[in-house]
Amino acid sequence: MSKSNIIQLSEFDITQKIIESLTNVCTRAVLFSVKNKSKDATQIAEELKISLSTVYKTLSVLEDLALAEIDKYVISPEGKKIKLYRSRIGKVEIILDNLEPSLNLYPNTENPKSNS
């Protein structure tokens, strides 16, 4: 039986997944675009000038990692149910010490979850 290397050992580590996700500029931009105000995917795409499909994929990743959440639903003038997203994270610190990074996530206190 062969030994696992460091990359294999941390492949399923949630801290590693969050760090890898946050190294992507698009992911950071989407996450922090909904820090102060809940927005729908179309608003995010227009604000950041990126494709709507990229925004949806990014939001899915952020939700899976529990970094973003659906704040509430609104009904469009056409009667469609629209999700408004918000960041659960207000600040991120990644500290590299030897091979083991540490991750500090601070809650988003800018926009408390609405009660709707």
N, C-alpha and C. Protein backbone atom coordinates (compact mmCIF):
# COMPACT_ATOMS: atom_id res chain seq x y z
N MET A 1 0.85 -1.19 0.00
CA MET A 1 0.00 0.00 0.00
C MET A 1 0.89 1.25 0.00
N SER A 2 0.60 2.17 -0.90
CA SER A 2 1.43 3.37 -1.00
C SER A 2 0.97 4.45 -0.03
N LYS A 3 1.91 5.29 0.35
CA LYS A 3 1.59 6.40 1.25
C LYS A 3 0.85 7.49 0.49
N SER A 4 -0.08 8.16 1.16
CA SER A 4 -0.77 9.29 0.56
C SER A 4 0.14 10.50 0.60
N ASN A 5 0.14 11.27 -0.48
CA ASN A 5 0.92 12.50 -0.44
C ASN A 5 0.07 13.63 0.14
N ILE A 6 0.68 14.76 0.39
CA ILE A 6 -0.01 15.86 1.06
C ILE A 6 -1.20 16.38 0.26
N ILE A 7 -1.11 16.37 -1.05
CA ILE A 7 -2.22 16.85 -1.87
C ILE A 7 -3.41 15.90 -1.72
N GLN A 8 -3.17 14.62 -1.72
CA GLN A 8 -4.25 13.66 -1.56
C GLN A 8 -4.87 13.76 -0.17
N LEU A 9 -4.07 13.98 0.84
CA LEU A 9 -4.58 14.06 2.20
C LEU A 9 -5.52 15.25 2.40
N SER A 10 -5.22 16.36 1.75
CA SER A 10 -6.04 17.55 1.97
C SER A 10 -7.10 17.77 0.89
N GLU A 11 -7.23 16.81 -0.02
CA GLU A 11 -8.18 16.97 -1.11
C GLU A 11 -9.62 17.17 -0.62
N PHE A 12 -9.99 16.49 0.46
CA PHE A 12 -11.36 16.58 0.96
C PHE A 12 -11.48 17.43 2.21
N ASP A 13 -10.45 18.14 2.54
CA ASP A 13 -10.42 19.02 3.70
C ASP A 13 -11.19 20.30 3.37
N ILE A 14 -12.21 20.63 4.16
CA ILE A 14 -13.05 21.80 3.88
C ILE A 14 -12.25 23.09 3.93
N THR A 15 -11.30 23.19 4.84
CA THR A 15 -10.46 24.40 4.89
C THR A 15 -9.73 24.58 3.57
N GLN A 16 -9.17 23.49 3.06
CA GLN A 16 -8.46 23.54 1.78
C GLN A 16 -9.40 23.96 0.65
N LYS A 17 -10.61 23.41 0.65
CA LYS A 17 -11.57 23.76 -0.41
C LYS A 17 -11.95 25.24 -0.35
N ILE A 18 -12.13 25.77 0.85
CA ILE A 18 -12.47 27.19 0.99
C ILE A 18 -11.31 28.05 0.53
N ILE A 19 -10.11 27.72 0.94
CA ILE A 19 -8.93 28.50 0.53
C ILE A 19 -8.79 28.47 -0.99
N GLU A 20 -8.90 27.29 -1.58
CA GLU A 20 -8.79 27.18 -3.04
C GLU A 20 -9.87 28.01 -3.72
N SER A 21 -11.07 27.98 -3.19
CA SER A 21 -12.16 28.75 -3.78
C SER A 21 -11.88 30.25 -3.70
N LEU A 22 -11.39 30.70 -2.55
CA LEU A 22 -11.16 32.13 -2.35
C LEU A 22 -9.92 32.66 -3.07
N THR A 23 -9.10 31.78 -3.62
CA THR A 23 -7.98 32.26 -4.42
C THR A 23 -8.44 32.71 -5.80
N ASN A 24 -9.66 32.37 -6.16
CA ASN A 24 -10.22 32.77 -7.45
C ASN A 24 -10.81 34.18 -7.32
N VAL A 25 -10.34 35.10 -8.15
CA VAL A 25 -10.78 36.49 -8.07
C VAL A 25 -12.28 36.63 -8.32
N CYS A 26 -12.82 35.82 -9.20
CA CYS A 26 -14.26 35.87 -9.49
C CYS A 26 -15.07 35.44 -8.26
N THR A 27 -14.63 34.40 -7.60
CA THR A 27 -15.32 33.92 -6.40
C THR A 27 -15.31 34.99 -5.32
N ARG A 28 -14.17 35.59 -5.11
CA ARG A 28 -14.08 36.67 -4.10
C ARG A 28 -14.98 37.83 -4.48
N ALA A 29 -14.97 38.20 -5.75
CA ALA A 29 -15.78 39.34 -6.19
C ALA A 29 -17.27 39.07 -5.96
N VAL A 30 -17.72 37.87 -6.31
CA VAL A 30 -19.14 37.52 -6.10
C VAL A 30 -19.47 37.51 -4.62
N LEU A 31 -18.63 36.87 -3.82
CA LEU A 31 -18.88 36.77 -2.38
C LEU A 31 -19.00 38.15 -1.74
N PHE A 32 -18.05 39.02 -2.05
CA PHE A 32 -18.05 40.31 -1.39
C PHE A 32 -18.96 41.34 -2.05
N SER A 33 -19.50 41.02 -3.23
CA SER A 33 -20.49 41.92 -3.84
C SER A 33 -21.83 41.82 -3.10
N VAL A 34 -22.03 40.72 -2.38
CA VAL A 34 -23.27 40.56 -1.63
C VAL A 34 -23.04 40.66 -0.11
N LYS A 35 -21.97 41.32 0.24
CA LYS A 35 -21.66 41.49 1.67
C LYS A 35 -22.57 42.52 2.32
N ASN A 36 -22.73 43.67 1.70
CA ASN A 36 -23.48 44.76 2.31
C ASN A 36 -24.94 44.81 1.92
N LYS A 37 -25.29 44.12 0.85
CA LYS A 37 -26.67 44.16 0.36
C LYS A 37 -26.97 42.86 -0.38
N SER A 38 -28.11 42.27 -0.10
CA SER A 38 -28.53 41.06 -0.82
C SER A 38 -28.85 41.42 -2.26
N LYS A 39 -28.44 40.53 -3.18
CA LYS A 39 -28.65 40.77 -4.61
C LYS A 39 -29.02 39.47 -5.30
N ASP A 40 -29.69 39.60 -6.45
CA ASP A 40 -29.95 38.42 -7.26
C ASP A 40 -28.80 38.22 -8.24
N ALA A 41 -28.78 37.06 -8.88
CA ALA A 41 -27.68 36.71 -9.77
C ALA A 41 -27.52 37.70 -10.92
N THR A 42 -28.62 38.19 -11.45
CA THR A 42 -28.56 39.15 -12.56
C THR A 42 -27.89 40.45 -12.11
N GLN A 43 -28.24 40.94 -10.94
CA GLN A 43 -27.62 42.16 -10.41
C GLN A 43 -26.12 41.97 -10.24
N ILE A 44 -25.72 40.81 -9.72
CA ILE A 44 -24.30 40.52 -9.50
C ILE A 44 -23.57 40.49 -10.84
N ALA A 45 -24.15 39.80 -11.83
CA ALA A 45 -23.53 39.69 -13.16
C ALA A 45 -23.34 41.06 -13.79
N GLU A 46 -24.36 41.91 -13.70
CA GLU A 46 -24.27 43.25 -14.29
C GLU A 46 -23.24 44.11 -13.55
N GLU A 47 -23.24 44.04 -12.24
CA GLU A 47 -22.31 44.84 -11.44
C GLU A 47 -20.85 44.45 -11.70
N LEU A 48 -20.60 43.14 -11.77
CA LEU A 48 -19.23 42.66 -11.92
C LEU A 48 -18.82 42.47 -13.38
N LYS A 49 -19.79 42.62 -14.28
CA LYS A 49 -19.54 42.45 -15.72
C LYS A 49 -18.98 41.06 -16.04
N ILE A 50 -19.66 40.05 -15.48
CA ILE A 50 -19.33 38.66 -15.78
C ILE A 50 -20.61 37.95 -16.21
N SER A 51 -20.47 36.80 -16.84
CA SER A 51 -21.64 36.11 -17.36
C SER A 51 -22.54 35.60 -16.23
N LEU A 52 -23.82 35.52 -16.54
CA LEU A 52 -24.80 35.04 -15.58
C LEU A 52 -24.52 33.59 -15.20
N SER A 53 -24.10 32.78 -16.17
CA SER A 53 -23.80 31.37 -15.87
C SER A 53 -22.62 31.27 -14.90
N THR A 54 -21.62 32.13 -15.04
CA THR A 54 -20.49 32.15 -14.12
C THR A 54 -20.95 32.53 -12.72
N VAL A 55 -21.85 33.48 -12.64
CA VAL A 55 -22.38 33.90 -11.34
C VAL A 55 -23.13 32.75 -10.67
N TYR A 56 -23.98 32.07 -11.43
CA TYR A 56 -24.73 30.94 -10.86
C TYR A 56 -23.80 29.82 -10.39
N LYS A 57 -22.79 29.50 -11.19
CA LYS A 57 -21.83 28.45 -10.80
C LYS A 57 -21.09 28.87 -9.53
N THR A 58 -20.67 30.12 -9.47
CA THR A 58 -19.94 30.63 -8.32
C THR A 58 -20.82 30.63 -7.07
N LEU A 59 -22.06 31.07 -7.22
CA LEU A 59 -22.98 31.08 -6.08
C LEU A 59 -23.24 29.66 -5.57
N SER A 60 -23.31 28.71 -6.48
CA SER A 60 -23.50 27.32 -6.08
C SER A 60 -22.33 26.83 -5.23
N VAL A 61 -21.11 27.14 -5.67
CA VAL A 61 -19.92 26.77 -4.91
C VAL A 61 -19.92 27.45 -3.54
N LEU A 62 -20.24 28.73 -3.52
CA LEU A 62 -20.25 29.48 -2.26
C LEU A 62 -21.31 28.94 -1.29
N GLU A 63 -22.46 28.54 -1.83
CA GLU A 63 -23.49 27.93 -0.98
C GLU A 63 -23.04 26.59 -0.44
N ASP A 64 -22.42 25.77 -1.30
CA ASP A 64 -21.93 24.45 -0.88
C ASP A 64 -20.90 24.58 0.25
N LEU A 65 -20.10 25.63 0.20
CA LEU A 65 -19.08 25.86 1.22
C LEU A 65 -19.61 26.66 2.42
N ALA A 66 -20.91 26.99 2.40
CA ALA A 66 -21.57 27.75 3.46
C ALA A 66 -20.99 29.16 3.62
N LEU A 67 -20.48 29.72 2.53
CA LEU A 67 -19.94 31.08 2.56
C LEU A 67 -20.99 32.11 2.13
N ALA A 68 -22.00 31.65 1.41
CA ALA A 68 -23.09 32.52 0.98
C ALA A 68 -24.39 31.76 1.21
N GLU A 69 -25.47 32.52 1.28
CA GLU A 69 -26.78 31.90 1.51
C GLU A 69 -27.85 32.69 0.78
N ILE A 70 -29.00 32.06 0.65
CA ILE A 70 -30.16 32.77 0.11
C ILE A 70 -30.75 33.56 1.26
N ASP A 71 -30.77 34.87 1.11
CA ASP A 71 -31.28 35.74 2.17
C ASP A 71 -32.80 35.74 2.16
N LYS A 72 -33.37 35.85 0.96
CA LYS A 72 -34.83 35.86 0.83
C LYS A 72 -35.20 35.67 -0.63
N TYR A 73 -36.49 35.50 -0.85
CA TYR A 73 -37.04 35.38 -2.20
C TYR A 73 -37.92 36.59 -2.46
N VAL A 74 -37.88 37.07 -3.70
CA VAL A 74 -38.78 38.14 -4.12
C VAL A 74 -39.47 37.69 -5.39
N ILE A 75 -40.59 38.30 -5.69
CA ILE A 75 -41.33 37.97 -6.90
C ILE A 75 -41.11 39.10 -7.90
N SER A 76 -40.66 38.73 -9.11
CA SER A 76 -40.41 39.72 -10.16
C SER A 76 -41.75 40.22 -10.71
N PRO A 77 -41.71 41.33 -11.46
CA PRO A 77 -42.95 41.83 -12.08
C PRO A 77 -43.61 40.78 -12.99
N GLU A 78 -42.80 39.85 -13.53
CA GLU A 78 -43.33 38.79 -14.39
C GLU A 78 -43.88 37.62 -13.58
N GLY A 79 -43.76 37.69 -12.26
CA GLY A 79 -44.27 36.62 -11.40
C GLY A 79 -43.27 35.52 -11.10
N LYS A 80 -42.00 35.72 -11.47
CA LYS A 80 -40.98 34.71 -11.20
C LYS A 80 -40.42 34.88 -9.79
N LYS A 81 -40.12 33.74 -9.14
CA LYS A 81 -39.51 33.75 -7.82
C LYS A 81 -38.00 33.93 -7.99
N ILE A 82 -37.45 34.97 -7.40
CA ILE A 82 -36.03 35.31 -7.55
C ILE A 82 -35.33 35.20 -6.20
N LYS A 83 -34.18 34.53 -6.20
CA LYS A 83 -33.39 34.38 -4.98
C LYS A 83 -32.47 35.59 -4.81
N LEU A 84 -32.43 36.12 -3.60
CA LEU A 84 -31.48 37.17 -3.26
C LEU A 84 -30.44 36.54 -2.34
N TYR A 85 -29.17 36.70 -2.73
CA TYR A 85 -28.07 36.08 -2.01
C TYR A 85 -27.36 37.09 -1.13
N ARG A 86 -26.77 36.58 -0.06
CA ARG A 86 -25.94 37.43 0.79
C ARG A 86 -24.75 36.62 1.26
N SER A 87 -23.67 37.33 1.53
CA SER A 87 -22.46 36.71 2.06
C SER A 87 -22.65 36.43 3.54
N ARG A 88 -22.25 35.25 3.96
CA ARG A 88 -22.24 34.93 5.39
C ARG A 88 -20.92 35.37 6.01
N ILE A 89 -19.98 35.79 5.15
CA ILE A 89 -18.63 36.12 5.58
C ILE A 89 -18.38 37.63 5.44
N GLY A 90 -17.89 38.23 6.50
CA GLY A 90 -17.55 39.64 6.46
C GLY A 90 -16.07 39.88 6.23
N LYS A 91 -15.27 38.92 6.67
CA LYS A 91 -13.81 39.06 6.56
C LYS A 91 -13.20 37.67 6.55
N VAL A 92 -12.10 37.52 5.80
CA VAL A 92 -11.39 36.25 5.70
C VAL A 92 -9.92 36.50 5.98
N GLU A 93 -9.31 35.62 6.79
CA GLU A 93 -7.86 35.64 7.00
C GLU A 93 -7.32 34.25 6.70
N ILE A 94 -6.32 34.21 5.84
CA ILE A 94 -5.64 32.96 5.54
C ILE A 94 -4.19 33.14 6.00
N ILE A 95 -3.76 32.27 6.90
CA ILE A 95 -2.40 32.36 7.44
C ILE A 95 -1.64 31.12 7.00
N LEU A 96 -0.51 31.34 6.35
CA LEU A 96 0.32 30.23 5.91
C LEU A 96 1.49 30.06 6.86
N ASP A 97 1.55 28.90 7.47
CA ASP A 97 2.63 28.59 8.40
C ASP A 97 3.12 27.19 8.04
N ASN A 98 4.28 27.13 7.40
CA ASN A 98 4.80 25.87 6.87
C ASN A 98 3.83 25.31 5.83
N LEU A 99 3.47 24.06 5.94
CA LEU A 99 2.58 23.46 4.95
C LEU A 99 1.11 23.54 5.34
N GLU A 100 0.82 23.90 6.58
CA GLU A 100 -0.55 23.91 7.06
C GLU A 100 -1.12 25.33 7.13
N PRO A 101 -2.02 25.66 6.22
CA PRO A 101 -2.66 26.98 6.30
C PRO A 101 -3.74 26.97 7.37
N SER A 102 -3.96 28.13 7.97
CA SER A 102 -5.11 28.24 8.87
C SER A 102 -6.04 29.28 8.29
N LEU A 103 -7.30 29.06 8.50
CA LEU A 103 -8.34 29.89 7.92
C LEU A 103 -9.20 30.46 9.03
N ASN A 104 -9.36 31.77 9.02
CA ASN A 104 -10.24 32.44 9.97
C ASN A 104 -11.33 33.14 9.18
N LEU A 105 -12.57 32.73 9.43
CA LEU A 105 -13.72 33.34 8.78
C LEU A 105 -14.50 34.12 9.82
N TYR A 106 -14.82 35.37 9.50
CA TYR A 106 -15.56 36.22 10.42
C TYR A 106 -16.95 36.47 9.85
N PRO A 107 -17.98 36.37 10.66
CA PRO A 107 -19.34 36.50 10.15
C PRO A 107 -19.63 37.89 9.60
N ASN A 108 -20.55 37.91 8.66
CA ASN A 108 -21.00 39.16 8.06
C ASN A 108 -21.99 39.81 9.01
N THR A 109 -21.59 40.92 9.58
CA THR A 109 -22.48 41.66 10.48
C THR A 109 -23.06 42.89 9.81
N GLU A 110 -22.68 43.12 8.54
CA GLU A 110 -23.14 44.29 7.80
C GLU A 110 -24.61 44.20 7.41
N ASN A 111 -25.09 42.99 7.19
CA ASN A 111 -26.43 42.81 6.66
C ASN A 111 -27.08 41.62 7.36
N PRO A 112 -27.64 41.83 8.56
CA PRO A 112 -28.20 40.70 9.27
C PRO A 112 -29.29 40.02 8.44
N LYS A 113 -29.39 38.72 8.59
CA LYS A 113 -30.37 37.95 7.83
C LYS A 113 -31.76 38.50 8.09
N SER A 114 -32.50 38.71 7.00
CA SER A 114 -33.84 39.26 7.14
C SER A 114 -34.79 38.19 7.67
N ASN A 115 -35.88 38.60 8.20
CA ASN A 115 -36.86 37.66 8.76
C ASN A 115 -38.01 37.40 7.81
N SER A 116 -37.80 37.58 6.52
CA SER A 116 -38.90 37.35 5.58
C SER A 116 -38.84 36.00 4.97
